N, C-alpha and C. Protein backbone atom coordinates (compact mmCIF):
# COMPACT_ATOMS: atom_id res chain seq x y z
N MET A 1 0.93 -1.22 -0.01
CA MET A 1 -0.14 0.08 0.17
C MET A 1 0.65 1.37 -0.17
N ASN A 2 0.83 1.99 -1.08
CA ASN A 2 1.45 3.48 -1.12
C ASN A 2 0.53 4.37 -0.26
N PRO A 3 1.18 4.97 0.73
CA PRO A 3 0.37 6.19 1.83
C PRO A 3 0.35 7.42 0.87
N PHE A 4 0.74 7.65 -0.36
CA PHE A 4 1.26 8.87 -0.87
C PHE A 4 0.42 8.62 -2.42
N SER A 5 -0.28 7.73 -2.53
CA SER A 5 -1.08 7.34 -4.02
C SER A 5 -2.04 8.50 -4.25
N LYS A 6 -2.34 9.43 -3.54
CA LYS A 6 -3.41 10.25 -3.85
C LYS A 6 -2.66 11.84 -3.44
N LEU A 7 -1.26 11.91 -3.42
CA LEU A 7 -0.50 13.13 -3.15
C LEU A 7 -0.55 13.87 -4.27
N LYS A 8 -1.03 15.18 -4.18
CA LYS A 8 -0.73 16.09 -5.35
C LYS A 8 0.13 17.45 -4.87
N VAL A 9 1.01 17.76 -5.96
CA VAL A 9 1.76 18.86 -5.46
C VAL A 9 1.54 19.77 -6.86
N LYS A 10 1.18 21.02 -6.12
CA LYS A 10 0.92 22.07 -6.67
C LYS A 10 1.95 23.18 -6.92
N ILE A 11 2.21 23.82 -7.91
CA ILE A 11 3.48 24.68 -8.15
C ILE A 11 2.67 26.23 -8.03
N LYS A 12 3.00 26.92 -6.86
CA LYS A 12 2.43 28.25 -6.63
C LYS A 12 3.74 29.34 -6.81
N THR A 13 3.27 30.55 -7.00
CA THR A 13 4.11 31.69 -7.39
C THR A 13 4.63 32.04 -5.88
N GLU A 14 3.86 32.00 -5.13
CA GLU A 14 4.49 32.43 -3.55
C GLU A 14 3.90 31.44 -2.45
N VAL A 15 4.98 31.24 -1.44
CA VAL A 15 4.56 30.48 -0.45
C VAL A 15 3.67 30.96 0.58
N VAL A 16 4.05 32.21 0.79
CA VAL A 16 3.35 32.93 1.65
C VAL A 16 2.44 34.00 0.89
N LYS A 17 0.98 34.06 0.57
CA LYS A 17 0.56 34.71 0.02
C LYS A 17 0.64 36.41 0.66
N LEU A 18 1.15 37.26 -0.17
CA LEU A 18 1.35 38.66 0.41
C LEU A 18 0.21 39.51 -0.70
N ARG A 19 -0.36 39.26 -1.72
CA ARG A 19 -1.27 39.77 -2.35
C ARG A 19 -1.08 41.18 -2.90
N ILE A 20 0.50 41.21 -3.24
CA ILE A 20 1.15 42.51 -3.65
C ILE A 20 1.28 42.40 -5.04
N ASN A 21 0.67 43.39 -5.99
CA ASN A 21 0.73 43.25 -7.24
C ASN A 21 1.97 43.94 -7.73
N ASN A 22 2.67 43.15 -8.63
CA ASN A 22 4.06 43.72 -9.38
C ASN A 22 5.17 43.66 -8.29
N LEU A 23 5.05 42.70 -7.45
CA LEU A 23 6.20 42.46 -6.76
C LEU A 23 7.42 42.16 -7.46
N ASP A 24 8.45 42.95 -7.24
CA ASP A 24 9.82 42.66 -7.47
C ASP A 24 10.69 41.96 -6.83
N LEU A 25 10.84 40.75 -7.43
CA LEU A 25 11.66 39.85 -6.48
C LEU A 25 13.15 40.05 -6.44
N THR A 26 13.80 40.91 -7.26
CA THR A 26 14.97 41.53 -7.41
C THR A 26 15.26 42.36 -6.26
N LYS A 27 14.22 43.12 -5.68
CA LYS A 27 14.50 44.09 -4.59
C LYS A 27 14.20 43.24 -3.29
N ARG A 28 15.19 42.48 -2.80
CA ARG A 28 15.13 41.75 -1.55
C ARG A 28 15.98 42.33 -0.69
N GLY A 29 16.05 41.50 0.54
CA GLY A 29 17.34 41.68 1.75
C GLY A 29 18.36 41.02 1.28
N LYS A 30 19.31 40.88 1.94
CA LYS A 30 20.75 40.73 1.49
C LYS A 30 20.72 38.89 2.59
N TYR A 31 21.33 38.18 1.59
CA TYR A 31 21.59 36.80 2.16
C TYR A 31 22.64 36.92 3.31
N ILE A 32 22.49 36.25 4.33
CA ILE A 32 23.45 36.22 5.47
C ILE A 32 23.93 34.88 5.83
N LYS A 33 24.96 34.68 6.03
CA LYS A 33 25.43 33.09 6.36
C LYS A 33 25.18 33.17 7.69
N ALA A 34 25.14 31.92 8.43
CA ALA A 34 24.87 32.04 9.51
C ALA A 34 26.18 32.06 10.36
N SER A 35 27.25 32.03 9.99
CA SER A 35 28.64 32.15 10.39
C SER A 35 29.11 33.84 10.47
N THR A 36 28.09 34.68 9.60
CA THR A 36 28.45 35.79 9.92
C THR A 36 27.16 36.68 10.62
N TRP A 37 26.32 35.76 10.86
CA TRP A 37 24.93 36.56 11.53
C TRP A 37 25.53 37.71 12.90
N ASN A 38 26.37 37.08 13.84
CA ASN A 38 26.48 38.01 15.02
C ASN A 38 27.14 39.11 14.42
N ALA A 39 28.21 39.23 13.45
CA ALA A 39 28.99 40.20 13.13
C ALA A 39 27.94 41.35 12.66
N PHE A 40 27.19 40.69 11.26
CA PHE A 40 26.41 41.65 10.63
C PHE A 40 25.33 42.22 11.53
N THR A 41 24.61 41.63 12.46
CA THR A 41 23.57 42.26 13.25
C THR A 41 24.13 42.99 14.33
N ASN A 42 25.52 43.24 14.65
CA ASN A 42 25.91 43.93 15.68
C ASN A 42 26.40 45.41 15.15
N GLN A 43 26.12 45.31 13.70
CA GLN A 43 26.51 46.84 13.03
C GLN A 43 25.23 47.80 13.39
N ASN A 44 25.59 49.01 13.59
CA ASN A 44 24.64 50.17 14.04
C ASN A 44 23.79 50.46 13.04
N ASP A 45 24.04 50.24 11.77
CA ASP A 45 22.89 50.51 10.99
C ASP A 45 22.14 49.21 10.51
N VAL A 46 21.86 48.14 11.17
CA VAL A 46 21.06 47.08 10.86
C VAL A 46 20.47 46.85 11.83
N VAL A 47 18.91 46.92 11.35
CA VAL A 47 17.66 46.55 12.31
C VAL A 47 17.10 45.26 11.76
N VAL A 48 16.96 44.29 12.74
CA VAL A 48 16.28 43.08 12.64
C VAL A 48 14.72 42.76 13.00
N LEU A 49 13.88 42.46 11.85
CA LEU A 49 12.67 42.26 12.22
C LEU A 49 12.12 40.88 12.46
N ASP A 50 11.57 40.60 13.59
CA ASP A 50 11.51 39.09 13.69
C ASP A 50 9.59 39.09 13.34
N THR A 51 9.60 38.47 12.42
CA THR A 51 8.30 38.59 11.71
C THR A 51 7.29 37.35 11.94
N ARG A 52 7.85 36.38 12.92
CA ARG A 52 6.95 35.36 13.25
C ARG A 52 5.76 35.62 14.25
N ASN A 53 5.01 34.52 14.11
CA ASN A 53 3.65 35.02 14.94
C ASN A 53 4.23 35.00 16.31
N ALA A 54 2.97 35.31 17.20
CA ALA A 54 3.25 35.63 18.77
C ALA A 54 3.54 34.45 19.40
N TYR A 55 3.18 33.36 19.06
CA TYR A 55 3.46 31.95 19.50
C TYR A 55 4.95 31.55 19.37
N GLU A 56 5.31 31.75 18.24
CA GLU A 56 6.59 31.63 17.85
C GLU A 56 7.75 32.29 18.24
N TYR A 57 7.14 33.62 18.70
CA TYR A 57 8.08 34.79 19.19
C TYR A 57 8.17 34.35 20.62
N SER A 58 7.00 34.02 21.18
CA SER A 58 7.39 33.71 22.62
C SER A 58 8.14 32.47 23.07
N LEU A 59 8.42 31.71 22.04
CA LEU A 59 9.30 30.57 22.36
C LEU A 59 10.59 30.96 22.32
N GLY A 60 10.97 32.34 21.76
CA GLY A 60 12.41 32.89 21.61
C GLY A 60 12.50 33.75 20.60
N ALA A 61 13.21 34.82 20.91
CA ALA A 61 13.56 35.97 19.87
C ALA A 61 14.51 36.36 19.69
N PHE A 62 14.98 36.93 18.62
CA PHE A 62 16.54 37.79 18.08
C PHE A 62 16.69 38.55 19.19
N GLU A 63 17.66 38.65 19.56
CA GLU A 63 18.05 39.44 20.77
C GLU A 63 18.02 41.20 19.87
N ASP A 64 17.48 41.89 20.45
CA ASP A 64 17.38 43.65 19.86
C ASP A 64 16.42 43.46 18.77
N ALA A 65 15.61 42.28 18.49
CA ALA A 65 15.05 42.69 17.08
C ALA A 65 13.44 43.34 17.61
N ILE A 66 13.01 43.54 16.43
CA ILE A 66 11.72 44.50 16.69
C ILE A 66 10.54 43.46 16.39
N ASN A 67 9.67 43.38 17.20
CA ASN A 67 8.44 42.43 17.03
C ASN A 67 7.33 43.23 16.41
N PRO A 68 6.86 43.29 15.25
CA PRO A 68 6.28 44.19 14.74
C PRO A 68 4.54 43.63 15.00
N GLN A 69 4.53 42.62 15.85
CA GLN A 69 3.13 41.94 16.27
C GLN A 69 2.12 41.61 15.48
N ILE A 70 2.45 40.88 14.49
CA ILE A 70 1.93 40.52 13.54
C ILE A 70 1.46 38.68 13.92
N GLU A 71 -0.13 38.54 13.21
CA GLU A 71 -0.39 37.17 13.39
C GLU A 71 0.05 36.19 12.33
N THR A 72 -0.06 36.96 11.25
CA THR A 72 0.39 36.09 10.09
C THR A 72 1.78 36.74 9.34
N PHE A 73 2.30 36.33 8.63
CA PHE A 73 3.45 36.63 7.64
C PHE A 73 2.83 37.89 6.72
N SER A 74 1.55 37.45 6.18
CA SER A 74 0.85 38.28 5.17
C SER A 74 0.36 39.71 5.68
N ASP A 75 0.17 39.53 6.82
CA ASP A 75 -0.54 41.01 7.94
C ASP A 75 0.93 41.99 7.60
N PHE A 76 2.43 41.39 7.12
CA PHE A 76 3.49 42.33 7.22
C PHE A 76 3.24 43.10 5.95
N ALA A 77 2.73 42.53 5.05
CA ALA A 77 2.57 43.44 3.80
C ALA A 77 1.53 44.38 3.73
N CYS A 78 0.47 44.46 4.64
CA CYS A 78 -0.43 45.52 4.62
C CYS A 78 0.06 47.01 4.95
């Protein structure tokens, strides 16, 4: 018996629906390697937004990160 016999995979344009028209995916944040995270976030001109929901944030947060207090990531786009 194959437990995945009815499995369907759909290709989506977005993992989290932001509902933003004309979103330019080339205008994005900088990728930071784990090995350089501390040095990068300790710079004076860096701001970290912790965009996780309240439950996830309550489990632990990034030091000095701003919590925009959103319930879902799509709220962040509004």
